[in-house]
Amino acid sequence: MGSKVKIQRVERGKTKSFYVNFPAAVAEAGQIEKGEEMEWLIEDRDTYILRRIKASKSLLST
């Protein structure tokens, strides 16, 4: 599954931030909850991985 997003750049005085918004359908498919902590991993210049800090329980476990 793929979904295109745009990166937003926000500058406030001396600081700047970049924001990534992704569609609700993507968040729902990943069962992402409000306030959940994530981290970015940079595999290479073209590949960024968003990973949960606290691993979720597998749906396949018994």
N, C-alpha and C. Protein backbone atom coordinates (compact mmCIF):
# COMPACT_ATOMS: atom_id res chain seq x y z
N MET A 1 0.85 -1.17 0.00
CA MET A 1 0.00 0.00 0.00
C MET A 1 0.89 1.23 0.00
N GLY A 2 0.56 2.22 -0.78
CA GLY A 2 1.31 3.46 -0.81
C GLY A 2 0.39 4.65 -0.66
N SER A 3 0.92 5.72 -0.13
CA SER A 3 0.14 6.94 0.04
C SER A 3 1.09 8.13 -0.05
N LYS A 4 0.81 9.05 -0.95
CA LYS A 4 1.67 10.23 -1.11
C LYS A 4 1.38 11.26 -0.03
N VAL A 5 2.44 11.90 0.45
CA VAL A 5 2.30 12.98 1.43
C VAL A 5 3.25 14.11 1.04
N LYS A 6 3.00 15.29 1.57
CA LYS A 6 3.89 16.42 1.35
C LYS A 6 4.51 16.81 2.68
N ILE A 7 5.74 17.24 2.62
CA ILE A 7 6.46 17.69 3.81
C ILE A 7 6.22 19.18 3.97
N GLN A 8 5.88 19.62 5.18
CA GLN A 8 5.67 21.03 5.46
C GLN A 8 6.86 21.57 6.24
N ARG A 9 7.29 22.78 5.89
CA ARG A 9 8.38 23.44 6.61
C ARG A 9 7.79 24.65 7.32
N VAL A 10 8.08 24.75 8.61
CA VAL A 10 7.57 25.85 9.42
C VAL A 10 8.77 26.53 10.08
N GLU A 11 8.86 27.84 9.90
CA GLU A 11 9.93 28.61 10.53
C GLU A 11 9.31 29.58 11.53
N ARG A 12 9.83 29.55 12.74
CA ARG A 12 9.39 30.46 13.81
C ARG A 12 10.62 31.08 14.43
N GLY A 13 10.90 32.30 14.03
CA GLY A 13 12.09 32.96 14.54
C GLY A 13 13.35 32.22 14.11
N LYS A 14 14.12 31.77 15.09
CA LYS A 14 15.38 31.08 14.80
C LYS A 14 15.22 29.57 14.62
N THR A 15 14.05 29.07 14.88
CA THR A 15 13.84 27.62 14.78
C THR A 15 13.04 27.26 13.53
N LYS A 16 13.30 26.09 13.02
CA LYS A 16 12.51 25.58 11.91
C LYS A 16 12.21 24.11 12.17
N SER A 17 11.06 23.70 11.70
CA SER A 17 10.62 22.31 11.85
C SER A 17 10.06 21.84 10.53
N PHE A 18 10.07 20.54 10.36
CA PHE A 18 9.46 19.91 9.20
C PHE A 18 8.40 18.95 9.72
N TYR A 19 7.25 18.95 9.09
CA TYR A 19 6.14 18.13 9.52
C TYR A 19 5.71 17.17 8.42
N VAL A 20 5.38 15.96 8.81
CA VAL A 20 4.85 14.96 7.90
C VAL A 20 3.46 14.59 8.41
N ASN A 21 2.46 14.79 7.60
CA ASN A 21 1.10 14.37 7.93
C ASN A 21 0.75 13.19 7.04
N PHE A 22 0.19 12.17 7.62
CA PHE A 22 -0.23 11.07 6.77
C PHE A 22 -1.72 10.82 6.97
N PRO A 23 -2.36 10.26 5.97
CA PRO A 23 -3.81 10.09 5.99
C PRO A 23 -4.31 9.25 7.15
N ALA A 24 -5.53 9.55 7.57
CA ALA A 24 -6.15 8.80 8.66
C ALA A 24 -6.23 7.32 8.33
N ALA A 25 -6.46 6.98 7.07
CA ALA A 25 -6.55 5.57 6.68
C ALA A 25 -5.25 4.83 6.98
N VAL A 26 -4.11 5.51 6.82
CA VAL A 26 -2.81 4.90 7.12
C VAL A 26 -2.67 4.68 8.63
N ALA A 27 -3.05 5.70 9.41
CA ALA A 27 -2.99 5.58 10.87
C ALA A 27 -3.91 4.48 11.38
N GLU A 28 -5.10 4.40 10.81
CA GLU A 28 -6.06 3.37 11.22
C GLU A 28 -5.56 1.98 10.85
N ALA A 29 -4.97 1.84 9.67
CA ALA A 29 -4.44 0.54 9.26
C ALA A 29 -3.32 0.08 10.19
N GLY A 30 -2.53 1.03 10.70
CA GLY A 30 -1.46 0.71 11.63
C GLY A 30 -1.88 0.73 13.08
N GLN A 31 -3.17 0.97 13.33
CA GLN A 31 -3.73 1.06 14.68
C GLN A 31 -2.93 2.02 15.55
N ILE A 32 -2.60 3.18 14.97
CA ILE A 32 -1.86 4.21 15.69
C ILE A 32 -2.83 4.99 16.57
N GLU A 33 -2.42 5.22 17.80
CA GLU A 33 -3.27 5.94 18.76
C GLU A 33 -2.70 7.32 19.03
N LYS A 34 -3.57 8.25 19.38
CA LYS A 34 -3.19 9.61 19.71
C LYS A 34 -2.16 9.60 20.84
N GLY A 35 -1.08 10.36 20.67
CA GLY A 35 -0.06 10.48 21.70
C GLY A 35 0.97 9.36 21.69
N GLU A 36 0.81 8.41 20.80
CA GLU A 36 1.75 7.29 20.74
C GLU A 36 3.13 7.78 20.30
N GLU A 37 4.17 7.28 20.92
CA GLU A 37 5.53 7.69 20.58
C GLU A 37 6.09 6.84 19.46
N MET A 38 6.72 7.54 18.50
CA MET A 38 7.32 6.88 17.35
C MET A 38 8.74 7.41 17.19
N GLU A 39 9.54 6.72 16.40
CA GLU A 39 10.87 7.22 16.08
C GLU A 39 11.16 6.99 14.60
N TRP A 40 11.94 7.89 14.02
CA TRP A 40 12.35 7.77 12.62
C TRP A 40 13.70 7.07 12.56
N LEU A 41 13.81 6.12 11.65
CA LEU A 41 15.08 5.47 11.35
C LEU A 41 15.42 5.84 9.91
N ILE A 42 16.65 6.21 9.65
CA ILE A 42 17.07 6.56 8.31
C ILE A 42 17.92 5.42 7.77
N GLU A 43 17.35 4.70 6.82
CA GLU A 43 18.05 3.57 6.22
C GLU A 43 19.06 4.07 5.18
N ASP A 44 18.62 4.99 4.35
CA ASP A 44 19.49 5.66 3.39
C ASP A 44 18.80 6.98 3.00
N ARG A 45 19.37 7.68 2.06
CA ARG A 45 18.86 9.01 1.69
C ARG A 45 17.41 8.99 1.21
N ASP A 46 16.97 7.88 0.67
CA ASP A 46 15.63 7.76 0.11
C ASP A 46 14.66 6.93 0.94
N THR A 47 15.13 6.34 2.03
CA THR A 47 14.28 5.43 2.80
C THR A 47 14.26 5.82 4.28
N TYR A 48 13.09 6.23 4.74
CA TYR A 48 12.88 6.58 6.14
C TYR A 48 11.85 5.61 6.71
N ILE A 49 12.11 5.11 7.90
CA ILE A 49 11.22 4.14 8.52
C ILE A 49 10.68 4.75 9.81
N LEU A 50 9.36 4.73 9.95
CA LEU A 50 8.71 5.21 11.17
C LEU A 50 8.38 3.98 12.01
N ARG A 51 8.90 3.95 13.24
CA ARG A 51 8.74 2.76 14.08
C ARG A 51 8.19 3.16 15.44
N ARG A 52 7.32 2.30 15.98
CA ARG A 52 6.80 2.51 17.33
C ARG A 52 7.93 2.36 18.34
N ILE A 53 7.91 3.19 19.36
CA ILE A 53 8.88 3.06 20.46
C ILE A 53 8.52 1.80 21.27
N LYS A 54 7.26 1.67 21.61
CA LYS A 54 6.78 0.51 22.37
C LYS A 54 6.12 -0.43 21.37
N ALA A 55 6.72 -1.58 21.16
CA ALA A 55 6.19 -2.53 20.18
C ALA A 55 4.78 -2.98 20.57
N SER A 56 3.92 -3.08 19.58
CA SER A 56 2.56 -3.55 19.83
C SER A 56 2.54 -5.07 19.85
N LYS A 57 1.51 -5.64 20.43
CA LYS A 57 1.38 -7.09 20.48
C LYS A 57 0.99 -7.59 19.10
N SER A 58 1.56 -8.69 18.71
CA SER A 58 1.26 -9.29 17.42
C SER A 58 -0.16 -9.86 17.42
N LEU A 59 -0.84 -9.67 16.31
CA LEU A 59 -2.18 -10.26 16.16
C LEU A 59 -2.08 -11.75 15.88
N LEU A 60 -0.89 -12.23 15.53
CA LEU A 60 -0.70 -13.64 15.20
C LEU A 60 -0.32 -14.48 16.41
N SER A 61 0.04 -13.85 17.52
CA SER A 61 0.43 -14.58 18.73
C SER A 61 -0.77 -15.28 19.34
N THR A 62 -0.50 -16.39 20.00
CA THR A 62 -1.57 -17.10 20.69
C THR A 62 -1.42 -16.97 22.18
